[in-house]
Amino acid sequence: MNNTYKLQHTVSYSEVDSFYKLRLDYIFSHFQNIADLHSKEMGTDGEALLQKSNVFWVLTKMKLKVAALPKSGETITVETWPLKAKCVRFDRDFKLSNNDKIFVMGSSEWCTLDYTTHKLRRVDSVAYPHDMQFREDRSGAGELLRAKESVCDTDLNHTYRSSFVDIDTNKHTNNIAYLRMILNCFSPDEFEAMKIDEFQINFLSQTFYGDEIKIYKKKTDYGFYTEGHCNKTIVFNCVIELENI
């Protein structure tokens, strides 16, 4: 069993923004896709774990360290590897590169919930290859942190209702959909003017088809802080650290 999984991909026109750069939501999508492919090879994909352990995967945190964004037509290598599981946490790192040039470094944190009770399950109760030779090196994205700032009514940017295209196989709003809600807080020119250094999103609660999600955006001394609320519950929060502040 390989402890690392790689694939090559050519950035397509449909994945870039108005400046021909690979959008962050597609970077997240590539990372989630390669994690799924590797987990299938490991026998720990969603369907396998449901059958073996009656659990399902939940992504709790994702962080990107952005050196540069590849452009339409560039060929990139997407790489992922899991770290040794601890207590209730499964960490998995990523890199997006082209030969010796690193574009994006990523880290993610996952947990498993019992399918029947929806309660957190310890890693030693899950059919996972705990004796695998795990890599110990990290991607370079940095430590995954908790993020919390206060927002108020004047920080409300827009409201979004979760629709058919946002719902995943677990029948809740997909993580990529939340990321797109965050990106929609900015105009193309605003986004182009920003040089993103780090981007971390923490997934705190679930929403479902038809739920109304309020998206808050706050300017900070490091960049921007965003939060999603549904029925007075914080669904996600996100820290965007900029290089040019």
Protein backbone atom coordinates (compact mmCIF):
# COMPACT_ATOMS: atom_id res chain seq x y z
CA MET A 1 0.00 0.00 0.00
CA ASN A 2 1.45 3.35 -1.06
CA ASN A 3 1.61 6.06 1.62
CA THR A 4 1.63 8.77 -1.09
CA TYR A 5 -0.65 9.36 -4.07
CA LYS A 6 0.14 11.60 -7.05
CA LEU A 7 -1.61 12.58 -10.24
CA GLN A 8 -1.01 15.06 -13.01
CA HIS A 9 -3.57 17.52 -14.28
CA THR A 10 -3.65 20.26 -16.89
CA VAL A 11 -5.48 23.34 -15.66
CA SER A 12 -8.53 23.83 -17.86
CA TYR A 13 -10.31 26.98 -18.96
CA SER A 14 -13.33 26.09 -16.82
CA GLU A 15 -11.21 26.08 -13.62
CA VAL A 16 -9.73 29.57 -13.85
CA ASP A 17 -10.92 33.03 -12.90
CA SER A 18 -11.13 36.10 -15.12
CA PHE A 19 -7.35 36.47 -14.83
CA TYR A 20 -6.71 32.87 -16.04
CA LYS A 21 -5.54 31.73 -12.58
CA LEU A 22 -6.70 28.48 -10.99
CA ARG A 23 -9.49 29.36 -8.54
CA LEU A 24 -9.24 28.39 -4.87
CA ASP A 25 -12.43 26.36 -4.97
CA TYR A 26 -10.94 24.16 -7.71
CA ILE A 27 -7.76 23.74 -5.66
CA PHE A 28 -9.93 22.49 -2.78
CA SER A 29 -11.76 20.26 -5.25
CA HIS A 30 -8.49 18.75 -6.52
CA PHE A 31 -7.34 18.11 -2.98
CA GLN A 32 -10.61 16.45 -1.99
CA ASN A 33 -10.62 14.39 -5.19
CA ILE A 34 -7.09 13.05 -4.69
CA ALA A 35 -7.85 12.31 -1.02
CA ASP A 36 -10.81 10.23 -2.18
CA LEU A 37 -8.71 8.38 -4.80
CA HIS A 38 -6.00 7.59 -2.25
CA SER A 39 -8.52 6.48 0.36
CA LYS A 40 -10.00 4.05 -2.17
CA GLU A 41 -6.52 2.58 -2.68
CA MET A 42 -6.14 2.35 1.12
CA GLY A 43 -9.60 0.78 1.53
CA THR A 44 -10.77 3.70 3.66
CA ASP A 45 -13.11 5.53 1.30
CA GLY A 46 -16.58 6.52 2.48
CA GLU A 47 -18.35 3.42 1.22
CA ALA A 48 -15.73 1.06 2.66
CA LEU A 49 -15.73 2.68 6.11
CA LEU A 50 -19.51 2.68 6.22
CA GLN A 51 -19.56 -1.07 5.58
CA LYS A 52 -16.64 -1.92 7.87
CA SER A 53 -17.13 0.49 10.77
CA ASN A 54 -20.53 2.22 10.32
CA VAL A 55 -18.83 5.64 10.15
CA PHE A 56 -18.53 8.46 7.62
CA TRP A 57 -15.80 11.00 6.98
CA VAL A 58 -16.15 14.65 8.00
CA LEU A 59 -13.67 17.32 6.92
CA THR A 60 -13.21 19.71 9.86
CA LYS A 61 -10.37 22.01 8.74
CA MET A 62 -8.49 22.86 5.57
CA LYS A 63 -5.55 25.24 5.22
CA LEU A 64 -3.66 26.45 2.16
CA LYS A 65 -0.31 28.20 1.98
CA VAL A 66 -0.25 29.88 -1.42
CA ALA A 67 3.07 30.60 -3.16
CA ALA A 68 1.54 31.14 -6.61
CA LEU A 69 -1.52 30.16 -8.62
CA PRO A 70 -1.05 28.13 -11.82
CA LYS A 71 -2.67 29.42 -14.99
CA SER A 72 -4.86 27.89 -17.66
CA GLY A 73 -2.94 25.32 -19.69
CA GLU A 74 -0.25 24.65 -17.08
CA THR A 75 0.36 21.06 -16.05
CA ILE A 76 0.42 20.51 -12.31
CA THR A 77 1.18 17.57 -10.02
CA VAL A 78 -1.24 17.04 -7.16
CA GLU A 79 0.18 15.00 -4.27
CA THR A 80 -1.30 13.81 -0.99
CA TRP A 81 -0.30 11.73 2.01
CA PRO A 82 -1.93 10.95 5.37
CA LEU A 83 -0.25 11.36 8.76
CA LYS A 84 -0.55 8.86 11.58
CA ALA A 85 -4.03 9.11 13.12
CA LYS A 86 -4.31 10.43 16.68
CA CYS A 87 -7.20 9.99 19.15
CA VAL A 88 -10.12 11.24 17.03
CA ARG A 89 -8.17 13.08 14.31
CA PHE A 90 -6.95 12.07 10.88
CA ASP A 91 -4.55 14.59 9.29
CA ARG A 92 -3.81 14.61 5.55
CA ASP A 93 -1.41 16.91 3.70
CA PHE A 94 -1.24 18.03 0.07
CA LYS A 95 1.01 19.74 -2.43
CA LEU A 96 0.32 21.26 -5.81
CA SER A 97 3.49 21.72 -7.87
CA ASN A 98 5.19 21.69 -11.25
CA ASN A 99 8.61 20.01 -11.15
CA ASP A 100 10.54 21.94 -8.46
CA LYS A 101 8.06 24.81 -8.33
CA ILE A 102 5.56 24.56 -5.47
CA PHE A 103 2.32 26.43 -6.05
CA VAL A 104 0.23 25.50 -3.03
CA MET A 105 0.84 23.57 0.20
CA GLY A 106 -2.17 22.19 2.03
CA SER A 107 -3.10 20.57 5.32
CA SER A 108 -6.43 19.12 6.36
CA GLU A 109 -8.02 17.61 9.45
CA TRP A 110 -10.72 14.94 9.31
CA CYS A 111 -12.75 12.93 11.80
CA THR A 112 -15.24 10.07 11.59
CA LEU A 113 -18.80 10.18 12.87
CA ASP A 114 -20.91 7.17 13.68
CA TYR A 115 -23.52 6.81 10.94
CA THR A 116 -26.26 5.84 13.41
CA THR A 117 -25.60 8.24 16.30
CA HIS A 118 -23.63 10.99 14.48
CA LYS A 119 -21.25 10.97 17.45
CA LEU A 120 -17.46 11.29 17.16
CA ARG A 121 -15.61 7.97 16.91
CA ARG A 122 -12.08 7.27 18.15
CA VAL A 123 -9.55 6.30 15.50
CA ASP A 124 -8.92 2.92 17.15
CA SER A 125 -12.58 1.99 16.59
CA VAL A 126 -12.32 2.56 12.83
CA ALA A 127 -11.10 0.05 10.20
CA TYR A 128 -8.05 2.08 9.21
CA PRO A 129 -4.52 0.83 8.29
CA HIS A 130 -2.94 2.03 11.53
CA ASP A 131 0.17 -0.13 10.93
CA MET A 132 0.93 1.51 7.57
CA GLN A 133 4.32 3.23 7.20
CA PHE A 134 3.11 6.83 7.44
CA ARG A 135 5.15 9.79 6.25
CA GLU A 136 6.17 12.21 9.00
CA ASP A 137 7.01 15.24 6.85
CA ARG A 138 4.45 18.02 6.52
CA SER A 139 3.50 20.03 3.46
CA GLY A 140 4.65 23.38 4.83
CA ALA A 141 1.15 24.85 5.10
CA GLY A 142 1.64 25.49 8.80
CA GLU A 143 -0.36 24.63 11.89
CA LEU A 144 -4.13 24.27 11.65
CA LEU A 145 -5.58 26.77 14.09
CA ARG A 146 -8.96 27.57 15.54
CA ALA A 147 -10.29 30.90 14.33
CA LYS A 148 -12.86 33.13 15.97
CA GLU A 149 -13.56 36.83 15.74
CA SER A 150 -16.73 38.70 16.42
CA VAL A 151 -18.93 39.83 13.54
CA CYS A 152 -21.94 42.13 13.60
CA ASP A 153 -24.89 43.01 11.37
CA THR A 154 -22.86 45.57 9.43
CA ASP A 155 -20.46 42.78 8.38
CA LEU A 156 -23.24 40.87 6.56
CA ASN A 157 -22.13 40.53 2.95
CA HIS A 158 -24.81 38.35 1.35
CA THR A 159 -27.27 35.54 1.98
CA TYR A 160 -27.24 32.24 0.12
CA ARG A 161 -29.80 29.42 0.03
CA SER A 162 -28.30 25.95 -0.35
CA SER A 163 -29.50 24.46 -3.63
CA PHE A 164 -29.45 21.13 -5.48
CA VAL A 165 -25.92 21.62 -6.89
CA ASP A 166 -24.52 22.25 -3.37
CA ILE A 167 -25.64 18.95 -1.82
CA ASP A 168 -23.24 16.00 -1.56
CA THR A 169 -23.69 12.25 -1.06
CA ASN A 170 -24.19 12.71 2.69
CA LYS A 171 -27.15 14.96 1.80
CA HIS A 172 -25.67 18.07 3.37
CA THR A 173 -24.09 21.18 1.85
CA ASN A 174 -20.69 20.31 0.41
CA ASN A 175 -17.55 21.97 1.74
CA ILE A 176 -16.70 23.37 -1.69
CA ALA A 177 -20.04 25.19 -1.71
CA TYR A 178 -19.06 27.06 1.47
CA LEU A 179 -15.76 28.06 -0.10
CA ARG A 180 -17.61 29.52 -3.08
CA MET A 181 -19.83 31.51 -0.73
CA ILE A 182 -16.65 33.02 0.73
CA LEU A 183 -15.15 33.81 -2.68
CA ASN A 184 -18.41 35.52 -3.69
CA CYS A 185 -17.73 38.12 -0.99
CA PHE A 186 -15.18 39.65 -3.37
CA SER A 187 -15.34 41.23 -6.80
CA PRO A 188 -12.88 40.01 -9.47
CA ASP A 189 -10.83 43.20 -9.15
CA GLU A 190 -10.73 42.93 -5.34
CA PHE A 191 -9.53 39.36 -5.55
CA GLU A 192 -6.88 40.14 -8.16
CA ALA A 193 -5.53 42.97 -5.97
CA MET A 194 -5.08 40.59 -3.02
CA LYS A 195 -1.99 38.42 -2.64
CA ILE A 196 -3.23 35.55 -0.51
CA ASP A 197 -0.58 34.06 1.75
CA GLU A 198 -2.69 31.68 3.86
CA PHE A 199 -6.29 30.58 3.67
CA GLN A 200 -7.92 28.43 6.35
CA ILE A 201 -11.53 27.38 6.64
CA ASN A 202 -13.00 25.56 9.65
CA PHE A 203 -16.20 23.57 9.17
CA LEU A 204 -18.25 23.76 12.37
CA SER A 205 -21.79 22.67 11.59
CA GLN A 206 -23.88 21.12 8.82
CA THR A 207 -26.54 22.68 6.61
CA PHE A 208 -28.94 21.04 4.21
CA TYR A 209 -30.89 21.67 1.03
CA GLY A 210 -32.96 24.85 1.30
CA ASP A 211 -31.14 26.24 4.33
CA GLU A 212 -30.45 29.98 4.26
CA ILE A 213 -26.84 30.83 5.09
CA LYS A 214 -25.77 34.37 6.00
CA ILE A 215 -22.20 35.19 4.97
CA TYR A 216 -20.28 37.79 6.99
CA LYS A 217 -17.06 39.44 5.82
CA LYS A 218 -14.84 41.52 8.09
CA LYS A 219 -11.65 43.44 7.26
CA THR A 220 -8.85 42.75 9.74
CA ASP A 221 -5.24 43.76 10.27
CA TYR A 222 -4.10 40.50 8.63
CA GLY A 223 -6.58 40.45 5.76
CA PHE A 224 -10.17 39.19 6.04
CA TYR A 225 -12.29 37.08 8.33
CA THR A 226 -15.52 35.47 7.12
CA GLU A 227 -18.25 33.52 8.86
CA GLY A 228 -21.33 31.61 7.74
CA HIS A 229 -24.44 31.52 9.97
CA CYS A 230 -27.57 29.40 9.71
CA ASN A 231 -30.37 29.63 12.29
CA LYS A 232 -28.04 31.46 14.72
CA THR A 233 -25.44 28.67 14.46
CA ILE A 234 -21.95 29.28 13.06
CA VAL A 235 -21.57 26.91 10.12
CA PHE A 236 -18.00 27.82 9.15
CA ASN A 237 -15.37 30.47 9.70
CA CYS A 238 -12.43 31.40 7.53
CA VAL A 239 -9.22 33.38 7.90
CA ILE A 240 -7.65 34.92 4.79
CA GLU A 241 -4.16 36.22 5.48
CA LEU A 242 -2.71 38.58 2.86
CA GLU A 243 0.91 39.16 1.93
CA ASN A 244 0.59 42.78 0.88
CA ILE A 245 -0.76 44.31 4.11
